[in-house]
Protein backbone atom coordinates (compact mmCIF):
# COMPACT_ATOMS: atom_id res chain seq x y z
CA MET A 1 47.45 210.14 50.72
CA ALA A 2 48.46 213.69 51.63
CA ASP A 3 51.65 212.42 53.25
CA LEU A 4 52.51 210.35 50.19
CA ARG A 5 51.61 213.02 47.64
CA PRO A 6 55.16 214.40 47.26
CA GLU A 7 56.59 210.91 46.75
CA ILE A 8 53.85 209.91 44.32
CA LEU A 9 54.34 213.12 42.34
CA GLU A 10 58.10 212.65 42.25
CA LEU A 11 57.77 209.10 40.93
CA GLY A 12 54.91 209.82 38.53
CA LEU A 13 56.18 213.06 37.10
CA GLY A 14 59.67 211.65 36.78
CA GLU A 15 58.26 208.90 34.57
CA VAL A 16 56.09 211.37 32.60
CA PHE A 17 59.13 213.56 31.97
CA ARG A 18 61.37 210.60 31.05
CA ARG A 19 58.87 209.21 28.53
CA SER A 20 57.95 212.61 27.07
CA VAL A 21 61.55 213.70 26.54
CA ALA A 22 62.26 210.34 24.85
CA ASN A 23 59.29 210.83 22.52
CA PRO A 24 58.50 214.59 22.24
CA ALA A 25 56.24 214.08 19.20
CA ASN A 26 53.91 211.98 21.37
CA PRO A 27 54.34 213.12 24.99
CA THR A 28 53.00 211.01 27.84
CA CYS A 29 50.33 212.68 29.97
CA THR A 30 49.35 209.90 32.37
CA VAL A 31 51.23 207.18 34.22
CA LYS A 32 50.19 204.79 36.95
CA VAL A 33 52.13 204.42 40.18
CA GLN A 34 51.79 201.22 42.19
CA ASP A 35 53.07 200.60 45.69
CA GLU A 36 54.29 197.31 47.17
CA GLU A 37 50.74 196.50 48.35
CA ALA A 38 49.40 196.76 44.77
CA GLU A 39 47.65 200.07 45.47
CA VAL A 40 47.54 202.08 42.23
CA VAL A 41 47.12 205.78 41.58
CA SER A 42 47.14 207.67 38.34
CA VAL A 43 49.39 210.71 37.96
CA GLN A 44 48.07 213.03 35.29
CA PHE A 45 50.14 215.84 33.81
CA THR A 46 47.63 218.23 32.23
CA LYS A 47 47.79 221.23 29.93
CA ALA A 48 46.17 223.43 32.60
CA TYR A 49 48.74 225.85 33.96
CA ALA A 50 48.35 228.51 36.62
CA ALA A 51 49.73 232.01 36.37
CA ILE A 52 53.43 232.22 37.12
CA ALA A 53 53.86 233.40 40.70
CA ASP A 54 57.62 234.07 40.55
CA VAL A 55 58.36 235.73 37.23
CA ASP A 56 61.98 236.43 38.19
CA ALA A 57 62.60 232.72 38.80
CA ALA A 58 61.04 231.90 35.43
CA GLU A 59 63.30 234.41 33.68
CA VAL A 60 66.39 233.00 35.41
CA LEU A 61 65.37 229.46 34.44
CA PHE A 62 64.85 230.32 30.77
CA GLU A 63 68.15 232.21 30.64
CA SER A 64 69.96 229.15 32.03
CA VAL A 65 68.46 226.66 29.56
CA MET A 66 70.24 226.31 26.25
CA GLY A 67 68.29 225.44 23.13
CA GLY A 68 69.48 223.24 20.29
CA ASP A 69 71.30 226.24 18.80
CA GLY A 70 73.40 226.69 21.96
CA LYS A 71 71.67 229.96 22.88
CA PRO A 72 69.38 230.61 25.85
CA VAL A 73 65.75 229.72 25.19
CA ASP A 74 63.58 232.79 24.54
CA ILE A 75 61.05 232.98 27.38
CA ASN A 76 58.67 234.91 25.08
CA LEU A 77 58.16 231.77 22.98
CA PHE A 78 56.57 230.09 26.00
CA VAL A 79 54.91 232.67 28.25
CA GLN A 80 53.30 236.08 27.95
CA GLU A 81 52.11 238.81 30.22
CA THR A 82 48.37 239.28 29.90
CA VAL A 83 45.40 240.66 31.78
CA VAL A 84 42.81 238.33 33.23
CA ALA A 85 39.34 239.79 33.63
CA SER A 86 36.69 238.61 36.04
CA PHE A 87 33.25 239.76 37.10
CA ASN A 88 31.67 239.45 40.53
CA CYS A 89 28.15 238.23 39.74
CA GLU A 90 27.07 238.65 43.37
CA VAL A 91 26.18 242.25 42.41
CA PHE A 92 23.03 240.77 40.84
CA HIS A 93 21.82 239.16 44.08
CA ASP A 94 20.24 240.67 47.17
CA PRO A 95 21.49 239.74 50.67
CA ASP A 96 19.13 236.71 50.70
CA GLY A 97 20.65 235.37 47.47
CA ARG A 98 17.68 236.28 45.23
CA PHE A 99 18.42 237.48 41.70
CA ASN A 100 17.66 241.19 41.20
CA GLN A 101 16.42 241.49 37.62
CA ALA A 102 16.44 245.33 37.67
CA VAL A 103 20.13 245.50 38.62
CA TYR A 104 20.96 242.87 35.99
CA ASN A 105 19.01 244.77 33.31
CA ARG A 106 20.94 247.98 34.01
CA PHE A 107 24.30 246.21 33.71
CA ARG A 108 23.13 244.31 30.63
CA GLN A 109 22.06 247.51 28.84
CA ALA A 110 25.37 249.21 29.56
CA ILE A 111 27.40 246.21 28.43
CA GLU A 112 25.29 245.75 25.28
CA ARG A 113 25.90 249.42 24.35
CA VAL A 114 29.65 248.98 24.66
CA ALA A 115 29.57 245.63 22.83
CA ALA A 116 27.69 247.25 19.93
CA GLU A 117 30.22 250.08 19.74
CA LEU A 118 33.08 247.58 19.67
CA LYS A 119 31.23 245.25 17.26
CA VAL A 120 31.59 242.24 19.58
CA ASN A 121 29.06 239.91 21.16
CA CYS A 122 27.78 240.84 24.60
CA PRO A 123 29.81 238.75 27.08
CA LEU A 124 27.11 238.82 29.75
CA GLU A 125 24.79 235.82 29.81
CA THR A 126 22.37 234.34 32.30
CA ALA A 127 20.92 230.91 32.88
CA LYS A 128 18.29 229.84 35.36
CA VAL A 129 19.50 227.49 38.06
CA VAL A 130 18.12 226.40 41.39
CA LYS A 131 20.47 227.08 44.28
CA PRO A 132 20.00 226.63 48.01
CA LEU A 133 19.49 229.84 49.96
CA PRO A 134 22.48 230.99 52.01
CA VAL A 135 20.63 229.85 55.18
CA PHE A 136 19.86 226.34 53.85
CA HIS A 137 22.70 224.58 55.66
CA GLU A 138 21.72 226.02 59.04
CA ARG A 139 17.96 225.55 58.59
CA ARG A 140 17.99 221.99 57.33
CA TRP A 141 18.87 220.43 60.68
CA SER A 142 15.95 221.90 62.63
CA VAL A 143 13.32 221.65 59.89
CA PHE A 144 14.18 218.09 58.80
CA PRO A 145 15.17 216.20 61.99
CA ASP A 146 14.77 212.78 60.33
CA GLU A 147 18.05 211.14 59.23
CA THR A 148 16.40 209.48 56.23
CA VAL A 149 15.12 212.83 55.01
CA GLN A 150 18.57 214.34 55.55
CA ALA A 151 20.07 211.61 53.38
CA LYS A 152 17.49 212.29 50.66
CA LEU A 153 18.17 216.04 50.92
CA THR A 154 21.85 215.39 50.37
CA GLN A 155 21.06 213.31 47.28
CA VAL A 156 18.80 216.01 45.83
CA ILE A 157 20.82 219.02 47.00
CA PRO A 158 24.38 217.69 47.06
CA ASN A 159 27.15 219.45 48.90
CA THR A 160 30.90 219.01 48.77
CA THR A 161 31.97 216.20 51.05
CA ARG A 162 35.65 215.39 51.51
CA ILE A 163 37.14 212.13 52.66
CA VAL A 164 40.63 212.61 54.03
CA PRO A 165 42.61 209.46 54.85
CA VAL A 166 43.96 209.58 58.39
CA THR A 167 46.10 206.46 58.28
CA ARG A 168 47.42 204.36 55.48
CA LYS A 169 45.63 201.09 54.76
CA LYS A 170 47.54 198.14 56.23
């Protein structure tokens, strides 16, 4: 699949673009691509966009595209520079992965003070979840040597498992 990804994207996105340009009021988001062996994949063109890595290239592109009025398209009608904020929540956990309520309370108080001054809701929230300890993956093999138990563990405490095709189905 990885080898065919560029070809699949070229075919699928070409069809998405062709259909969407022909009917801009109702753009197409998904098309199916089928190979000669009747294998089908769906190519989905979503509204989720990443940050623009090469701003200069974007500016050059917009300057080269002419709108319906014969003038270059204004890039500012489509993109904007903004700041993205993030917060490293690991500050609330000790080295063993346990939540430190005292550290959280100190941050929460400070953030609530600022939120009150700005008359906005406090953006810091918590929810209780059950997570494996950082040592779970290493410990599981020696503590639970039974394959059946390992399978049950994986059902109850799922991990990310990837299947990568090595050869194409014949």
